[in-house]
C-alpha atoms as a PDB file:
ATOM      1  CA  MET A   1      58.984  36.968  78.432  1.00  0.00           C
ATOM      2  CA  SER A   2      56.656  40.144  78.767  1.00  0.00           C
ATOM      3  CA  PHE A   3      53.447  40.496  77.104  1.00  0.00           C
ATOM      4  CA  SER A   4      54.658  43.437  75.322  1.00  0.00           C
ATOM      5  CA  GLU A   5      57.556  41.711  73.775  1.00  0.00           C
ATOM      6  CA  ASP A   6      55.632  38.504  73.102  1.00  0.00           C
ATOM      7  CA  LYS A   7      53.123  41.023  71.240  1.00  0.00           C
ATOM      8  CA  GLY A   8      56.088  42.849  69.718  1.00  0.00           C
ATOM      9  CA  PHE A   9      57.650  39.777  68.302  1.00  0.00           C
ATOM     10  CA  ASN A  10      54.055  38.145  67.161  1.00  0.00           C
ATOM     11  CA  GLY A  11      53.586  41.639  65.498  1.00  0.00           C
ATOM     12  CA  LYS A  12      57.092  41.161  63.422  1.00  0.00           C
ATOM     13  CA  ILE A  13      56.151  37.682  62.573  1.00  0.00           C
ATOM     14  CA  SER A  14      53.014  38.653  61.034  1.00  0.00           C
ATOM     15  CA  GLN A  15      54.203  41.327  59.244  1.00  0.00           C
ATOM     16  CA  CYS A  16      57.031  38.751  57.547  1.00  0.00           C
ATOM     17  CA  ILE A  17      54.112  36.776  56.819  1.00  0.00           C
ATOM     18  CA  ASP A  18      52.569  39.512  55.222  1.00  0.00           C
ATOM     19  CA  LYS A  19      55.209  40.554  53.112  1.00  0.00           C
ATOM     20  CA  ALA A  20      56.068  37.204  52.108  1.00  0.00           C
ATOM     21  CA  LEU A  21      52.207  36.642  51.032  1.00  0.00           C
ATOM     22  CA  ASP A  22      52.190  40.142  48.965  1.00  0.00           C
ATOM     23  CA  SER A  23      54.696  38.451  46.688  1.00  0.00           C
ATOM     24  CA  LEU A  24      52.215  36.120  45.783  1.00  0.00           C
ATOM     25  CA  GLY A  25      49.905  39.317  44.862  1.00  0.00           C
ATOM     26  CA  GLU A  26      47.178  40.876  46.711  1.00  0.00           C
ATOM     27  CA  GLY A  27      44.206  39.133  45.458  1.00  0.00           C
ATOM     28  CA  VAL A  28      45.842  35.566  46.711  1.00  0.00           C
ATOM     29  CA  LYS A  29      46.990  37.452  49.888  1.00  0.00           C
ATOM     30  CA  GLN A  30      43.570  38.702  50.635  1.00  0.00           C
ATOM     31  CA  SER A  31      42.281  35.368  49.509  1.00  0.00           C
ATOM     32  CA  PHE A  32      44.177  33.554  52.110  1.00  0.00           C
ATOM     33  CA  TYR A  33      43.492  35.700  55.007  1.00  0.00           C
ATOM     34  CA  TYR A  34      39.428  35.609  53.860  1.00  0.00           C
ATOM     35  CA  GLN A  35      40.025  31.937  54.107  1.00  0.00           C
ATOM     36  CA  ILE A  36      41.986  31.482  57.544  1.00  0.00           C
ATOM     37  CA  GLU A  37      39.344  33.996  58.932  1.00  0.00           C
ATOM     38  CA  GLU A  38      35.995  31.838  57.314  1.00  0.00           C
ATOM     39  CA  ARG A  39      37.318  28.301  57.724  1.00  0.00           C
ATOM     40  CA  PHE A  40      39.417  28.536  60.829  1.00  0.00           C
ATOM     41  CA  GLN A  41      37.686  31.301  62.655  1.00  0.00           C
ATOM     42  CA  LEU A  42      41.007  33.005  63.232  1.00  0.00           C
ATOM     43  CA  PRO A  43      40.294  36.636  63.140  1.00  0.00           C
ATOM     44  CA  LYS A  44      42.658  38.486  61.147  1.00  0.00           C
ATOM     45  CA  ASP A  45      43.382  40.629  64.413  1.00  0.00           C
ATOM     46  CA  GLU A  46      44.560  37.790  66.035  1.00  0.00           C
ATOM     47  CA  PHE A  47      46.963  36.864  63.431  1.00  0.00           C
ATOM     48  CA  ALA A  48      49.870  38.966  65.076  1.00  0.00           C
ATOM     49  CA  SER A  49      49.316  36.911  68.028  1.00  0.00           C
ATOM     50  CA  ARG A  50      49.030  33.566  66.568  1.00  0.00           C
ATOM     51  CA  PRO A  51      51.706  33.724  63.794  1.00  0.00           C
ATOM     52  CA  GLU A  52      51.854  29.647  63.937  1.00  0.00           C
ATOM     53  CA  ASP A  53      48.359  29.185  63.543  1.00  0.00           C
ATOM     54  CA  VAL A  54      48.239  31.192  60.527  1.00  0.00           C
ATOM     55  CA  ILE A  55      51.139  29.010  58.722  1.00  0.00           C
ATOM     56  CA  GLU A  56      49.362  25.838  59.763  1.00  0.00           C
ATOM     57  CA  ASP A  57      45.898  27.139  58.636  1.00  0.00           C
ATOM     58  CA  LEU A  58      47.891  27.882  55.147  1.00  0.00           C
ATOM     59  CA  ARG A  59      48.809  24.303  55.249  1.00  0.00           C
ATOM     60  CA  GLU A  60      45.742  23.122  55.188  1.00  0.00           C
ATOM     61  CA  ILE A  61      44.287  25.332  52.411  1.00  0.00           C
ATOM     62  CA  LEU A  62      47.545  24.861  50.008  1.00  0.00           C
ATOM     63  CA  GLY A  63      48.173  21.145  50.792  1.00  0.00           C
ATOM     64  CA  PRO A  64      52.104  19.759  51.441  1.00  0.00           C
ATOM     65  CA  THR A  65      53.578  20.803  48.271  1.00  0.00           C
ATOM     66  CA  GLY A  66      52.006  24.337  48.039  1.00  0.00           C
ATOM     67  CA  SER A  67      52.381  25.186  51.061  1.00  0.00           C
ATOM     68  CA  SER A  68      56.273  24.350  51.347  1.00  0.00           C
ATOM     69  CA  SER A  69      57.033  27.176  48.465  1.00  0.00           C
ATOM     70  CA  VAL A  70      54.809  29.518  50.695  1.00  0.00           C
ATOM     71  CA  GLU A  71      56.544  28.586  53.821  1.00  0.00           C
ATOM     72  CA  ARG A  72      60.072  29.059  52.256  1.00  0.00           C
ATOM     73  CA  LEU A  73      59.020  32.505  51.148  1.00  0.00           C
ATOM     74  CA  ILE A  74      57.710  33.261  54.736  1.00  0.00           C
ATOM     75  CA  VAL A  75      61.291  31.627  55.716  1.00  0.00           C
ATOM     76  CA  LYS A  76      62.969  34.174  53.425  1.00  0.00           C
ATOM     77  CA  GLU A  77      61.373  36.959  55.006  1.00  0.00           C
ATOM     78  CA  ILE A  78      61.455  36.136  58.747  1.00  0.00           C
ATOM     79  CA  ARG A  79      65.769  35.439  58.169  1.00  0.00           C
ATOM     80  CA  LYS A  80      66.054  39.062  56.597  1.00  0.00           C
ATOM     81  CA  GLU A  81      63.493  40.849  59.148  1.00  0.00           C
ATOM     82  CA  PHE A  82      65.409  39.334  62.125  1.00  0.00           C
ATOM     83  CA  GLY A  83      69.138  39.669  60.613  1.00  0.00           C
ATOM     84  CA  LEU A  84      69.432  35.638  60.828  1.00  0.00           C
ATOM     85  CA  ASP A  85      71.647  33.103  59.086  1.00  0.00           C
ATOM     86  CA  SER A  86      70.283  31.939  55.533  1.00  0.00           C
ATOM     87  CA  SER A  87      72.885  29.311  54.849  1.00  0.00           C
ATOM     88  CA  ASP A  88      70.763  26.099  56.158  1.00  0.00           C
ATOM     89  CA  GLN A  89      67.341  25.063  54.947  1.00  0.00           C
ATOM     90  CA  ALA A  90      65.971  24.989  58.502  1.00  0.00           C
ATOM     91  CA  ALA A  91      62.115  24.179  59.130  1.00  0.00           C
ATOM     92  CA  LEU A  92      59.961  27.232  59.433  1.00  0.00           C
ATOM     93  CA  SER A  93      59.031  26.619  63.287  1.00  0.00           C
ATOM     94  CA  VAL A  94      63.053  26.384  63.691  1.00  0.00           C
ATOM     95  CA  VAL A  95      63.656  29.561  62.358  1.00  0.00           C
ATOM     96  CA  ILE A  96      60.896  31.159  64.251  1.00  0.00           C
ATOM     97  CA  ASN A  97      62.513  30.136  67.534  1.00  0.00           C
ATOM     98  CA  GLU A  98      65.615  31.070  66.254  1.00  0.00           C
ATOM     99  CA  ALA A  99      64.257  35.086  65.842  1.00  0.00           C
ATOM    100  CA  ARG A 100      62.294  34.639  68.783  1.00  0.00           C
ATOM    101  CA  ARG A 101      65.561  33.993  70.973  1.00  0.00           C
ATOM    102  CA  LYS A 102      67.484  36.677  68.967  1.00  0.00           C
ATOM    103  CA  PHE A 103      64.533  39.123  69.509  1.00  0.00           C
ATOM    104  CA  LEU A 104      64.136  38.310  73.338  1.00  0.00           C
ATOM    105  CA  HIS A 105      67.788  38.696  73.623  1.00  0.00           C
ATOM    106  CA  ILE A 106      67.866  42.232  71.935  1.00  0.00           C
ATOM    107  CA  ALA A 107      64.997  42.981  74.173  1.00  0.00           C
ATOM    108  CA  GLU A 108      66.964  42.067  77.164  1.00  0.00           C
ATOM    109  CA  SER A 109      70.227  43.864  76.250  1.00  0.00           C
ATOM    110  CA  SER A 110      68.233  47.119  75.723  1.00  0.00           C
ATOM    111  CA  GLY A 111      66.077  47.273  78.858  1.00  0.00           C
END
């Protein structure tokens, strides 16, 4: 996997996280991002290269109950963005891995 392919994939995952948080309102989204930067020392410009860390930080902020609904929103966006089957209730990490495989397959096919 080349750096540009990984950066492109992570960037797309980051956009999915952003879209999912948009559905909660701009103020809530900015509050989450601020807390992630301040509490977890993860600068916003690194979100795209570390999407799993962003999600883990959201879990810490929201707790297990609150984070599950946000994770469902993120999973929905990832499935939509990458054209993945939405019939099962797969965990976020599984969906990210499915999306990565699809992204890399498409990148290999086109290049």
